[in-house]
Amino acid sequence: MNGKHQLTQAGFDKHKRELEKLKTIDRPRNIEALKEARAQGDLSENADYDAARDEQARIENRIKELENILKTAIIIDGNTKSNLGKTLYIEFEDPRQQSRSGEYKLVGSLEADPLKRKISNESPLGKALLNAKAGERVLVKTQSSQFYVVVKSIE
């Protein structure tokens, strides 16, 4: 995808809030932890210092990652020809899967959360639904099987 990240406005805002928290809360707190650990003396066997350095690396890496995501983000507004950013009501044809029928939001891979029924446009189901129309019967192919779903409505 050329290094671009597709995000809904809500996903963009969530990443922006996380970045702000890392910069204004987590990073300063970590700097204080490093100062306190240094004050304990010998750094060669100082577990608190090692833990604070590990946390510092994690924070800085995540900051860089989020800055890159936000810099290259493409906001999905739901006004595209595809179903990206839209909510689809689908029914699974297989009786064993009918309990999975319901509303699904089609989002970019960074926002995917199957437990909240936010499916990635890169998943087998997401790929199948990307350009589907309401009323259409769609074949979903996975590595191990294939099945049909019916798109009842799109919002």
Protein backbone atom coordinates (compact mmCIF):
# COMPACT_ATOMS: atom_id res chain seq x y z
CA MET A 1 0.00 0.00 0.00
CA ASN A 2 2.96 2.32 -0.62
CA GLY A 3 3.56 2.89 3.09
CA LYS A 4 0.19 4.62 3.45
CA HIS A 5 -2.05 3.78 6.39
CA GLN A 6 -5.81 3.81 5.91
CA LEU A 7 -7.60 5.04 9.04
CA THR A 8 -11.07 6.22 9.89
CA GLN A 9 -11.20 9.64 11.53
CA ALA A 10 -11.82 7.89 14.87
CA GLY A 11 -8.77 5.68 14.33
CA PHE A 12 -6.63 8.69 13.38
CA ASP A 13 -7.78 10.53 16.50
CA LYS A 14 -7.07 7.48 18.69
CA HIS A 15 -3.51 7.22 17.37
CA LYS A 16 -3.03 10.98 17.84
CA ARG A 17 -4.19 10.74 21.49
CA GLU A 18 -1.84 7.83 22.12
CA LEU A 19 1.07 9.82 20.66
CA GLU A 20 0.21 12.83 22.81
CA LYS A 21 0.04 10.64 25.95
CA LEU A 22 3.40 9.08 25.18
CA LYS A 23 5.02 12.49 24.71
CA THR A 24 3.40 14.35 27.60
CA ILE A 25 2.90 11.66 30.26
CA ASP A 26 4.83 8.45 29.60
CA ARG A 27 8.10 9.98 28.35
CA PRO A 28 8.45 12.48 31.27
CA ARG A 29 7.55 9.76 33.79
CA ASN A 30 10.21 7.51 32.24
CA ILE A 31 12.81 10.29 32.41
CA GLU A 32 12.11 10.63 36.14
CA ALA A 33 12.44 6.86 36.60
CA LEU A 34 15.81 6.98 34.83
CA LYS A 35 16.99 9.83 37.09
CA GLU A 36 15.94 7.93 40.21
CA ALA A 37 17.63 4.74 39.01
CA ARG A 38 20.86 6.63 38.22
CA ALA A 39 20.82 8.12 41.70
CA GLN A 40 21.02 4.60 43.15
CA GLY A 41 24.65 4.37 42.08
CA ASP A 42 26.27 1.47 40.21
CA LEU A 43 24.41 1.13 36.91
CA SER A 44 26.01 -2.18 35.92
CA GLU A 45 23.78 -4.23 38.25
CA ASN A 46 20.84 -1.85 38.60
CA ALA A 47 17.63 -3.63 37.59
CA ASP A 48 15.56 -0.44 37.94
CA TYR A 49 17.86 1.34 35.52
CA ASP A 50 17.71 -1.55 33.03
CA ALA A 51 13.91 -1.62 33.24
CA ALA A 52 13.69 2.15 32.75
CA ARG A 53 16.01 1.98 29.72
CA ASP A 54 13.90 -0.83 28.21
CA GLU A 55 10.77 1.25 28.79
CA GLN A 56 12.45 4.28 27.24
CA ALA A 57 13.27 2.27 24.11
CA ARG A 58 9.67 1.01 23.90
CA ILE A 59 8.26 4.53 24.29
CA GLU A 60 10.61 6.07 21.71
CA ASN A 61 9.95 3.29 19.19
CA ARG A 62 6.20 3.65 19.59
CA ILE A 63 6.45 7.45 19.22
CA LYS A 64 8.35 7.02 15.93
CA GLU A 65 5.84 4.42 14.74
CA LEU A 66 2.85 6.63 15.56
CA GLU A 67 4.44 9.71 13.97
CA ASN A 68 4.97 7.71 10.78
CA ILE A 69 1.40 6.36 10.84
CA LEU A 70 -0.08 9.83 11.31
CA LYS A 71 2.22 11.40 8.70
CA THR A 72 1.25 8.86 6.04
CA ALA A 73 -2.38 8.35 7.04
CA ILE A 74 -5.17 8.44 4.51
CA ILE A 75 -8.47 9.23 6.22
CA ILE A 76 -11.30 6.91 5.22
CA ASP A 77 -14.42 9.02 5.08
CA GLY A 78 -16.96 6.44 3.90
CA ASN A 79 -17.72 8.45 0.75
CA THR A 80 -15.64 6.22 -1.51
CA LYS A 81 -16.92 3.75 -4.07
CA SER A 82 -15.62 0.89 -1.93
CA ASN A 83 -17.10 -0.17 1.40
CA LEU A 84 -14.02 0.88 3.34
CA GLY A 85 -15.13 2.81 6.43
CA LYS A 86 -18.71 1.59 6.09
CA THR A 87 -20.81 -0.70 8.26
CA LEU A 88 -22.22 -3.75 6.54
CA TYR A 89 -24.92 -6.06 7.82
CA ILE A 90 -24.08 -9.56 6.57
CA GLU A 91 -25.56 -13.02 6.99
CA PHE A 92 -23.47 -16.16 6.81
CA GLU A 93 -25.16 -18.83 4.69
CA ASP A 94 -23.59 -21.78 6.48
CA PRO A 95 -25.90 -22.78 9.36
CA ARG A 96 -22.85 -23.45 11.55
CA GLN A 97 -21.71 -19.84 11.09
CA GLN A 98 -25.06 -18.04 11.28
CA SER A 99 -24.29 -16.89 14.83
CA ARG A 100 -21.57 -14.71 13.26
CA SER A 101 -24.14 -12.83 11.18
CA GLY A 102 -24.58 -9.16 12.01
CA GLU A 103 -22.97 -5.75 11.60
CA TYR A 104 -19.32 -5.44 10.65
CA LYS A 105 -17.32 -2.28 10.05
CA LEU A 106 -14.76 -2.51 7.26
CA VAL A 107 -11.57 -0.67 8.32
CA GLY A 108 -7.87 -0.49 7.50
CA SER A 109 -5.58 -3.11 9.02
CA LEU A 110 -4.35 -0.83 11.84
CA GLU A 111 -7.87 -0.48 13.23
CA ALA A 112 -8.99 -4.08 12.86
CA ASP A 113 -10.51 -5.55 16.02
CA PRO A 114 -12.46 -8.76 15.38
CA LEU A 115 -13.92 -8.76 18.90
CA LYS A 116 -15.56 -5.40 18.11
CA ARG A 117 -16.51 -6.59 14.61
CA LYS A 118 -14.08 -4.20 12.94
CA ILE A 119 -12.62 -6.22 10.09
CA SER A 120 -9.57 -5.40 8.05
CA ASN A 121 -9.88 -4.73 4.35
CA GLU A 122 -6.91 -7.10 4.01
CA SER A 123 -8.64 -10.08 5.67
CA PRO A 124 -10.39 -12.68 3.50
CA LEU A 125 -13.83 -11.45 4.59
CA GLY A 126 -12.81 -7.81 4.19
CA LYS A 127 -11.43 -8.39 0.70
CA ALA A 128 -14.66 -10.12 -0.33
CA LEU A 129 -16.82 -7.29 1.05
CA LEU A 130 -14.72 -4.37 -0.19
CA ASN A 131 -16.73 -3.77 -3.37
CA ALA A 132 -19.88 -5.77 -2.57
CA LYS A 133 -23.34 -4.28 -3.05
CA ALA A 134 -26.39 -4.59 -0.83
CA GLY A 135 -28.30 -7.76 -1.69
CA GLU A 136 -25.22 -9.42 -3.17
CA ARG A 137 -24.11 -12.97 -2.34
CA VAL A 138 -20.33 -12.94 -1.90
CA LEU A 139 -17.83 -15.81 -1.91
CA VAL A 140 -15.20 -15.57 0.84
CA LYS A 141 -12.04 -17.61 0.27
CA THR A 142 -9.68 -18.40 3.14
CA GLN A 143 -6.55 -20.55 3.06
CA SER A 144 -8.43 -23.57 4.34
CA SER A 145 -12.01 -23.10 3.14
CA GLN A 146 -14.54 -20.98 1.35
CA PHE A 147 -18.06 -19.87 2.26
CA TYR A 148 -20.77 -17.45 1.21
CA VAL A 149 -22.19 -14.41 2.93
CA VAL A 150 -25.09 -12.23 1.86
CA VAL A 151 -24.75 -8.46 2.21
CA LYS A 152 -28.10 -7.33 3.62
CA SER A 153 -27.34 -3.61 3.93
CA ILE A 154 -24.53 -1.06 3.82
CA GLU A 155 -24.39 2.14 5.87
